[in-house]
Amino acid sequence: MKAPSSTLFAVATVLLCHTAQAHISVTSGPAFAAKSQELTFKVGHGCNGADTYRVEIRIPDGVGGVRPLDSTFGKAVVSKDGTGKITSVTWTKAAADVLPSDTQLYKFTLNAALPDTPFTPLFFPTIQTCRAADGTESTTEWVGTSTEHNHLRPEDSSAYPAPYVFLLPARTPGWNKYTVEQHVHDLSVFADAQIVWAGSAAYSANPSTLQLIEKEPNTQVLSAIHPGTEIWVKY
């Protein structure tokens, strides 16, 4: 790590955490590899003016210890495979509670043990079913699994983006040293870090700190992290 100037440290501030940018998104903050934690999924709208009636969240491989919470929307019902592993959680609204139009925001929470795969996205394909005032049901499948430039790859162009978390390694306040074994192209996953260093390159989501990085002699702006790169991150 290049020794940064004291000025860079003086203006570095903690920013908001990164969340997946999708119509159904995870809003519970940073997710950490090899940790059990609560995940909250936000459903921001219904389907073409119809109220959301049912939400099914599919549990990806590597995730265990799933314990969903009931909500005012409806009780959580789990599905299991032959080994007893929970493969999905579904919340269904009582028919009498379905609204005549799309006016509400809904949140769904479950606790899960996340896999030990830091610096990788973890997708939760989700099926949203809506019911119109006349009883007609429609379904939207949020199952796309590409995060490249926040757009779907051409081969996934027919799929809406699945909600996901980006798994981060354990951290402590101050400096943390990591060796990244995956490509990381979207450095906004470090949005709640003060600064990230990789060799003589640095990144910060703080515009003031970024300006100082750009002016720092013999320093480049870090734009991506490649496998095998050693980085230092200050939280």
C-alpha atoms as a PDB file:
ATOM      1  CA  MET A   1       0.000   0.000   0.000  1.00  0.00           C
ATOM      2  CA  LYS A   2       1.328   3.415  -0.935  1.00  0.00           C
ATOM      3  CA  ALA A   3       1.679   5.671   2.092  1.00  0.00           C
ATOM      4  CA  PRO A   4      -1.178   8.190   1.680  1.00  0.00           C
ATOM      5  CA  SER A   5      -1.011  11.777   2.809  1.00  0.00           C
ATOM      6  CA  SER A   6      -2.601  12.865   6.080  1.00  0.00           C
ATOM      7  CA  THR A   7      -4.946  15.111   4.091  1.00  0.00           C
ATOM      8  CA  LEU A   8      -6.620  12.074   2.537  1.00  0.00           C
ATOM      9  CA  PHE A   9      -7.358  10.670   5.983  1.00  0.00           C
ATOM     10  CA  ALA A  10      -8.633  13.957   7.327  1.00  0.00           C
ATOM     11  CA  VAL A  11     -11.507  14.189   4.871  1.00  0.00           C
ATOM     12  CA  ALA A  12     -12.390  10.493   4.472  1.00  0.00           C
ATOM     13  CA  THR A  13     -15.871   9.839   5.848  1.00  0.00           C
ATOM     14  CA  VAL A  14     -18.119   6.854   6.239  1.00  0.00           C
ATOM     15  CA  LEU A  15     -20.872   6.686   3.615  1.00  0.00           C
ATOM     16  CA  LEU A  16     -24.069   4.739   3.196  1.00  0.00           C
ATOM     17  CA  CYS A  17     -23.907   0.991   2.560  1.00  0.00           C
ATOM     18  CA  HIS A  18     -24.244  -0.555  -0.855  1.00  0.00           C
ATOM     19  CA  THR A  19     -27.495  -2.274  -1.736  1.00  0.00           C
ATOM     20  CA  ALA A  20     -28.651  -4.057  -4.792  1.00  0.00           C
ATOM     21  CA  GLN A  21     -30.327  -1.793  -7.330  1.00  0.00           C
ATOM     22  CA  ALA A  22     -33.426  -3.749  -8.323  1.00  0.00           C
ATOM     23  CA  HIS A  23     -37.189  -3.308  -8.059  1.00  0.00           C
ATOM     24  CA  ILE A  24     -37.034  -5.972  -5.375  1.00  0.00           C
ATOM     25  CA  SER A  25     -33.922  -5.267  -3.340  1.00  0.00           C
ATOM     26  CA  VAL A  26     -32.153  -6.190  -0.121  1.00  0.00           C
ATOM     27  CA  THR A  27     -32.199  -3.169   2.182  1.00  0.00           C
ATOM     28  CA  SER A  28     -30.735  -4.566   5.414  1.00  0.00           C
ATOM     29  CA  GLY A  29     -27.229  -3.193   4.914  1.00  0.00           C
ATOM     30  CA  PRO A  30     -23.866  -4.888   4.288  1.00  0.00           C
ATOM     31  CA  ALA A  31     -23.862  -8.689   4.151  1.00  0.00           C
ATOM     32  CA  PHE A  32     -20.879 -10.599   5.504  1.00  0.00           C
ATOM     33  CA  ALA A  33     -19.504 -13.938   4.351  1.00  0.00           C
ATOM     34  CA  ALA A  34     -19.651 -16.864   6.794  1.00  0.00           C
ATOM     35  CA  LYS A  35     -22.046 -15.016   9.078  1.00  0.00           C
ATOM     36  CA  SER A  36     -25.643 -15.561  10.173  1.00  0.00           C
ATOM     37  CA  GLN A  37     -27.679 -12.395   9.788  1.00  0.00           C
ATOM     38  CA  GLU A  38     -31.070 -10.956   8.973  1.00  0.00           C
ATOM     39  CA  LEU A  39     -31.835  -9.980   5.398  1.00  0.00           C
ATOM     40  CA  THR A  40     -34.746  -7.691   4.569  1.00  0.00           C
ATOM     41  CA  PHE A  41     -36.224  -7.651   1.063  1.00  0.00           C
ATOM     42  CA  LYS A  42     -38.144  -4.598  -0.127  1.00  0.00           C
ATOM     43  CA  VAL A  43     -40.917  -4.907  -2.706  1.00  0.00           C
ATOM     44  CA  GLY A  44     -41.391  -1.358  -3.886  1.00  0.00           C
ATOM     45  CA  HIS A  45     -44.333  -1.794  -6.235  1.00  0.00           C
ATOM     46  CA  GLY A  46     -46.919  -4.198  -7.579  1.00  0.00           C
ATOM     47  CA  CYS A  47     -47.584  -5.252 -11.177  1.00  0.00           C
ATOM     48  CA  ASN A  48     -49.092  -2.793 -13.653  1.00  0.00           C
ATOM     49  CA  GLY A  49     -51.271  -1.178 -11.020  1.00  0.00           C
ATOM     50  CA  ALA A  50     -52.215  -4.402  -9.208  1.00  0.00           C
ATOM     51  CA  ASP A  51     -51.411  -5.047  -5.545  1.00  0.00           C
ATOM     52  CA  THR A  52     -48.766  -7.606  -4.552  1.00  0.00           C
ATOM     53  CA  TYR A  53     -50.481 -10.798  -3.379  1.00  0.00           C
ATOM     54  CA  ARG A  54     -47.674 -13.334  -2.961  1.00  0.00           C
ATOM     55  CA  VAL A  55     -43.862 -13.194  -2.752  1.00  0.00           C
ATOM     56  CA  GLU A  56     -41.654 -16.290  -3.039  1.00  0.00           C
ATOM     57  CA  ILE A  57     -37.947 -15.902  -2.243  1.00  0.00           C
ATOM     58  CA  ARG A  58     -35.784 -18.802  -3.396  1.00  0.00           C
ATOM     59  CA  ILE A  59     -32.823 -19.744  -1.226  1.00  0.00           C
ATOM     60  CA  PRO A  60     -29.554 -20.137  -3.162  1.00  0.00           C
ATOM     61  CA  ASP A  61     -27.079 -22.973  -2.702  1.00  0.00           C
ATOM     62  CA  GLY A  62     -24.684 -22.442   0.170  1.00  0.00           C
ATOM     63  CA  VAL A  63     -27.222 -20.637   2.347  1.00  0.00           C
ATOM     64  CA  GLY A  64     -28.417 -22.470   5.454  1.00  0.00           C
ATOM     65  CA  GLY A  65     -30.085 -21.903   8.787  1.00  0.00           C
ATOM     66  CA  VAL A  66     -33.004 -20.073   7.185  1.00  0.00           C
ATOM     67  CA  ARG A  67     -35.523 -18.740   9.718  1.00  0.00           C
ATOM     68  CA  PRO A  68     -38.165 -16.452   8.182  1.00  0.00           C
ATOM     69  CA  LEU A  69     -40.287 -13.913  10.015  1.00  0.00           C
ATOM     70  CA  ASP A  70     -44.045 -13.625   9.684  1.00  0.00           C
ATOM     71  CA  SER A  71     -45.185 -10.151   8.705  1.00  0.00           C
ATOM     72  CA  THR A  72     -48.346  -8.084   8.571  1.00  0.00           C
ATOM     73  CA  PHE A  73     -48.432  -9.068   4.886  1.00  0.00           C
ATOM     74  CA  GLY A  74     -48.892 -12.743   5.773  1.00  0.00           C
ATOM     75  CA  LYS A  75     -47.342 -15.774   7.436  1.00  0.00           C
ATOM     76  CA  ALA A  76     -44.100 -17.206   6.072  1.00  0.00           C
ATOM     77  CA  VAL A  77     -44.356 -20.719   4.609  1.00  0.00           C
ATOM     78  CA  VAL A  78     -41.182 -22.672   3.818  1.00  0.00           C
ATOM     79  CA  SER A  79     -40.562 -25.325   1.162  1.00  0.00           C
ATOM     80  CA  LYS A  80     -37.906 -28.011   1.693  1.00  0.00           C
ATOM     81  CA  ASP A  81     -36.043 -30.501  -0.456  1.00  0.00           C
ATOM     82  CA  GLY A  82     -35.588 -34.197   0.307  1.00  0.00           C
ATOM     83  CA  THR A  83     -32.792 -33.475   2.781  1.00  0.00           C
ATOM     84  CA  GLY A  84     -34.870 -31.032   4.797  1.00  0.00           C
ATOM     85  CA  LYS A  85     -33.035 -27.958   3.496  1.00  0.00           C
ATOM     86  CA  ILE A  86     -35.241 -24.908   3.033  1.00  0.00           C
ATOM     87  CA  THR A  87     -35.329 -24.030  -0.661  1.00  0.00           C
ATOM     88  CA  SER A  88     -37.815 -21.155  -0.642  1.00  0.00           C
ATOM     89  CA  VAL A  89     -39.929 -18.971   1.611  1.00  0.00           C
ATOM     90  CA  THR A  90     -43.354 -17.700   0.523  1.00  0.00           C
ATOM     91  CA  TRP A  91     -45.533 -14.992   2.037  1.00  0.00           C
ATOM     92  CA  THR A  92     -49.162 -14.815   0.829  1.00  0.00           C
ATOM     93  CA  LYS A  93     -51.601 -12.044   1.649  1.00  0.00           C
ATOM     94  CA  ALA A  94     -55.109 -12.999   2.752  1.00  0.00           C
ATOM     95  CA  ALA A  95     -57.479 -12.571  -0.186  1.00  0.00           C
ATOM     96  CA  ALA A  96     -59.627 -10.168   1.819  1.00  0.00           C
ATOM     97  CA  ASP A  97     -56.582  -7.942   2.420  1.00  0.00           C
ATOM     98  CA  VAL A  98     -55.617  -7.512  -1.235  1.00  0.00           C
ATOM     99  CA  LEU A  99     -55.882  -3.821  -2.100  1.00  0.00           C
ATOM    100  CA  PRO A 100     -57.819  -2.567  -5.134  1.00  0.00           C
ATOM    101  CA  SER A 101     -54.674  -0.942  -6.558  1.00  0.00           C
ATOM    102  CA  ASP A 102     -50.888  -0.754  -6.182  1.00  0.00           C
ATOM    103  CA  THR A 103     -50.373   1.703  -3.322  1.00  0.00           C
ATOM    104  CA  GLN A 104     -48.195  -0.096  -0.756  1.00  0.00           C
ATOM    105  CA  LEU A 105     -44.534  -0.918  -0.113  1.00  0.00           C
ATOM    106  CA  TYR A 106     -43.813  -4.296   1.513  1.00  0.00           C
ATOM    107  CA  LYS A 107     -40.850  -5.768   3.383  1.00  0.00           C
ATOM    108  CA  PHE A 108     -39.986  -9.408   4.084  1.00  0.00           C
ATOM    109  CA  THR A 109     -37.300 -10.611   6.490  1.00  0.00           C
ATOM    110  CA  LEU A 110     -35.467 -13.864   7.038  1.00  0.00           C
ATOM    111  CA  ASN A 111     -32.374 -14.887   8.969  1.00  0.00           C
ATOM    112  CA  ALA A 112     -29.795 -17.009   7.163  1.00  0.00           C
ATOM    113  CA  ALA A 113     -26.251 -18.327   7.465  1.00  0.00           C
ATOM    114  CA  LEU A 114     -24.392 -16.922   4.468  1.00  0.00           C
ATOM    115  CA  PRO A 115     -21.633 -18.819   2.621  1.00  0.00           C
ATOM    116  CA  ASP A 116     -17.920 -18.172   3.082  1.00  0.00           C
ATOM    117  CA  THR A 117     -17.431 -16.638  -0.375  1.00  0.00           C
ATOM    118  CA  PRO A 118     -16.306 -13.036   0.165  1.00  0.00           C
ATOM    119  CA  PHE A 119     -16.304 -10.532  -2.700  1.00  0.00           C
ATOM    120  CA  THR A 120     -19.041 -12.380  -4.598  1.00  0.00           C
ATOM    121  CA  PRO A 121     -22.717 -11.559  -5.234  1.00  0.00           C
ATOM    122  CA  LEU A 122     -25.348 -13.853  -3.741  1.00  0.00           C
ATOM    123  CA  PHE A 123     -28.640 -13.849  -5.646  1.00  0.00           C
ATOM    124  CA  PHE A 124     -32.096 -14.625  -4.257  1.00  0.00           C
ATOM    125  CA  PRO A 125     -34.399 -15.268  -7.247  1.00  0.00           C
ATOM    126  CA  THR A 126     -37.838 -13.986  -6.337  1.00  0.00           C
ATOM    127  CA  ILE A 127     -41.306 -14.579  -7.770  1.00  0.00           C
ATOM    128  CA  GLN A 128     -43.830 -11.774  -7.276  1.00  0.00           C
ATOM    129  CA  THR A 129     -47.522 -12.476  -7.837  1.00  0.00           C
ATOM    130  CA  CYS A 130     -50.061  -9.655  -7.984  1.00  0.00           C
ATOM    131  CA  ARG A 131     -53.854  -9.711  -7.951  1.00  0.00           C
ATOM    132  CA  ALA A 132     -56.019  -7.078  -9.620  1.00  0.00           C
ATOM    133  CA  ALA A 133     -59.356  -5.874  -8.272  1.00  0.00           C
ATOM    134  CA  ASP A 134     -61.198  -8.296 -10.583  1.00  0.00           C
ATOM    135  CA  GLY A 135     -59.200 -11.262  -9.223  1.00  0.00           C
ATOM    136  CA  THR A 136     -56.867 -11.564 -12.212  1.00  0.00           C
ATOM    137  CA  GLU A 137     -53.370 -12.666 -11.173  1.00  0.00           C
ATOM    138  CA  SER A 138     -50.081 -11.766 -12.854  1.00  0.00           C
ATOM    139  CA  THR A 139     -46.542 -12.888 -12.070  1.00  0.00           C
ATOM    140  CA  THR A 140     -43.145 -11.226 -12.396  1.00  0.00           C
ATOM    141  CA  GLU A 141     -40.004 -13.352 -12.109  1.00  0.00           C
ATOM    142  CA  TRP A 142     -37.045 -11.458 -10.660  1.00  0.00           C
ATOM    143  CA  VAL A 143     -34.403 -14.046 -11.557  1.00  0.00           C
ATOM    144  CA  GLY A 144     -31.672 -12.293 -13.597  1.00  0.00           C
ATOM    145  CA  THR A 145     -28.212 -12.927 -12.150  1.00  0.00           C
ATOM    146  CA  SER A 146     -25.884 -10.441 -13.821  1.00  0.00           C
ATOM    147  CA  THR A 147     -24.464  -7.358 -12.071  1.00  0.00           C
ATOM    148  CA  GLU A 148     -22.133  -6.199 -14.845  1.00  0.00           C
ATOM    149  CA  HIS A 149     -22.456  -2.402 -15.048  1.00  0.00           C
ATOM    150  CA  ASN A 150     -25.810  -2.793 -13.244  1.00  0.00           C
ATOM    151  CA  HIS A 151     -27.325  -4.112 -16.479  1.00  0.00           C
ATOM    152  CA  LEU A 152     -28.335  -7.568 -17.630  1.00  0.00           C
ATOM    153  CA  ARG A 153     -26.103  -9.414 -20.065  1.00  0.00           C
ATOM    154  CA  PRO A 154     -27.644  -9.893 -23.533  1.00  0.00           C
ATOM    155  CA  GLU A 155     -28.296 -13.578 -22.848  1.00  0.00           C
ATOM    156  CA  ASP A 156     -30.279 -12.586 -19.742  1.00  0.00           C
ATOM    157  CA  SER A 157     -32.147  -9.747 -21.436  1.00  0.00           C
ATOM    158  CA  SER A 158     -35.553 -11.362 -20.859  1.00  0.00           C
ATOM    159  CA  ALA A 159     -35.018 -11.678 -17.093  1.00  0.00           C
ATOM    160  CA  TYR A 160     -35.679  -9.023 -14.493  1.00  0.00           C
ATOM    161  CA  PRO A 161     -32.806  -8.641 -11.990  1.00  0.00           C
ATOM    162  CA  ALA A 162     -32.937 -10.812  -8.882  1.00  0.00           C
ATOM    163  CA  PRO A 163     -32.336  -9.154  -5.520  1.00  0.00           C
ATOM    164  CA  TYR A 164     -28.841  -9.848  -4.240  1.00  0.00           C
ATOM    165  CA  VAL A 165     -26.291  -9.046  -1.596  1.00  0.00           C
ATOM    166  CA  PHE A 166     -22.580  -8.610  -2.190  1.00  0.00           C
ATOM    167  CA  LEU A 167     -20.745 -10.676   0.401  1.00  0.00           C
ATOM    168  CA  LEU A 168     -17.998  -8.811   2.222  1.00  0.00           C
ATOM    169  CA  PRO A 169     -15.334 -10.313   4.502  1.00  0.00           C
ATOM    170  CA  ALA A 170     -15.326  -9.702   8.238  1.00  0.00           C
ATOM    171  CA  ARG A 171     -14.017  -6.273   9.224  1.00  0.00           C
ATOM    172  CA  THR A 172     -12.822  -4.264  12.182  1.00  0.00           C
ATOM    173  CA  PRO A 173     -12.753  -0.478  12.636  1.00  0.00           C
ATOM    174  CA  GLY A 174      -9.593   0.921  11.087  1.00  0.00           C
ATOM    175  CA  TRP A 175      -7.407  -0.798   8.494  1.00  0.00           C
ATOM    176  CA  ASN A 176      -8.271  -4.238   7.095  1.00  0.00           C
ATOM    177  CA  LYS A 177      -6.021  -6.239   4.761  1.00  0.00           C
ATOM    178  CA  TYR A 178      -7.589  -8.622   2.236  1.00  0.00           C
ATOM    179  CA  THR A 179      -6.504 -10.678  -0.748  1.00  0.00           C
ATOM    180  CA  VAL A 180      -9.313 -10.563  -3.293  1.00  0.00           C
ATOM    181  CA  GLU A 181      -9.772 -13.794  -5.265  1.00  0.00           C
ATOM    182  CA  GLN A 182     -12.579 -12.517  -7.507  1.00  0.00           C
ATOM    183  CA  HIS A 183     -12.983  -9.763 -10.078  1.00  0.00           C
ATOM    184  CA  VAL A 184     -14.606  -6.730  -8.456  1.00  0.00           C
ATOM    185  CA  HIS A 185     -15.689  -4.218 -11.093  1.00  0.00           C
ATOM    186  CA  ASP A 186     -18.271  -2.294  -9.076  1.00  0.00           C
ATOM    187  CA  LEU A 187     -16.328  -0.571  -6.309  1.00  0.00           C
ATOM    188  CA  SER A 188     -19.499   0.889  -4.843  1.00  0.00           C
ATOM    189  CA  VAL A 189     -19.489  -2.255  -2.672  1.00  0.00           C
ATOM    190  CA  PHE A 190     -16.963  -0.251  -0.629  1.00  0.00           C
ATOM    191  CA  ALA A 191     -19.330   2.708  -0.293  1.00  0.00           C
ATOM    192  CA  ASP A 192     -19.217   2.546   3.507  1.00  0.00           C
ATOM    193  CA  ALA A 193     -15.402   2.460   3.587  1.00  0.00           C
ATOM    194  CA  GLN A 194     -13.348   5.601   4.042  1.00  0.00           C
ATOM    195  CA  ILE A 195     -10.753   4.563   1.459  1.00  0.00           C
ATOM    196  CA  VAL A 196      -9.477   1.492  -0.419  1.00  0.00           C
ATOM    197  CA  TRP A 197      -5.841   1.050  -1.475  1.00  0.00           C
ATOM    198  CA  ALA A 198      -4.372  -1.457  -3.948  1.00  0.00           C
ATOM    199  CA  GLY A 199      -0.701  -0.758  -4.564  1.00  0.00           C
ATOM    200  CA  SER A 200      -0.448   2.864  -5.704  1.00  0.00           C
ATOM    201  CA  ALA A 201      -4.136   3.098  -6.644  1.00  0.00           C
ATOM    202  CA  ALA A 202      -6.926   4.216  -4.340  1.00  0.00           C
ATOM    203  CA  TYR A 203     -10.716   4.522  -4.328  1.00  0.00           C
ATOM    204  CA  SER A 204     -13.244   6.341  -2.195  1.00  0.00           C
ATOM    205  CA  ALA A 205     -16.973   6.857  -2.625  1.00  0.00           C
ATOM    206  CA  ASN A 206     -16.550  10.216  -0.910  1.00  0.00           C
ATOM    207  CA  PRO A 207     -16.264  12.854  -3.676  1.00  0.00           C
ATOM    208  CA  SER A 208     -13.914  15.032  -1.596  1.00  0.00           C
ATOM    209  CA  THR A 209     -11.578  12.128  -0.879  1.00  0.00           C
ATOM    210  CA  LEU A 210     -11.723  11.057  -4.518  1.00  0.00           C
ATOM    211  CA  GLN A 211     -10.626  14.527  -5.617  1.00  0.00           C
ATOM    212  CA  LEU A 212      -7.628  14.299  -3.301  1.00  0.00           C
ATOM    213  CA  ILE A 213      -6.758  10.872  -4.691  1.00  0.00           C
ATOM    214  CA  GLU A 214      -6.802  12.346  -8.192  1.00  0.00           C
ATOM    215  CA  LYS A 215      -4.406  15.107  -7.084  1.00  0.00           C
ATOM    216  CA  GLU A 216      -2.081  12.881  -5.039  1.00  0.00           C
ATOM    217  CA  PRO A 217       1.329  12.498  -6.761  1.00  0.00           C
ATOM    218  CA  ASN A 218       2.128   9.040  -8.142  1.00  0.00           C
ATOM    219  CA  THR A 219      -1.363   7.802  -7.290  1.00  0.00           C
ATOM    220  CA  GLN A 220      -4.014   6.435  -9.642  1.00  0.00           C
ATOM    221  CA  VAL A 221      -7.747   6.115  -9.131  1.00  0.00           C
ATOM    222  CA  LEU A 222      -8.628   2.485  -8.473  1.00  0.00           C
ATOM    223  CA  SER A 223     -11.353   1.440 -10.938  1.00  0.00           C
ATOM    224  CA  ALA A 224     -11.415  -2.367 -10.589  1.00  0.00           C
ATOM    225  CA  ILE A 225      -9.859  -5.136  -8.529  1.00  0.00           C
ATOM    226  CA  HIS A 226      -8.487  -8.255 -10.198  1.00  0.00           C
ATOM    227  CA  PRO A 227      -8.078 -11.750  -8.713  1.00  0.00           C
ATOM    228  CA  GLY A 228      -5.050 -12.110  -6.456  1.00  0.00           C
ATOM    229  CA  THR A 229      -4.881  -8.401  -5.613  1.00  0.00           C
ATOM    230  CA  GLU A 230      -3.974  -7.399  -2.067  1.00  0.00           C
ATOM    231  CA  ILE A 231      -6.015  -4.461  -0.826  1.00  0.00           C
ATOM    232  CA  TRP A 232      -6.178  -2.345   2.308  1.00  0.00           C
ATOM    233  CA  VAL A 233      -9.572  -0.982   3.342  1.00  0.00           C
ATOM    234  CA  LYS A 234     -10.198   1.532   6.103  1.00  0.00           C
ATOM    235  CA  TYR A 235     -13.598   1.532   7.818  1.00  0.00           C
END
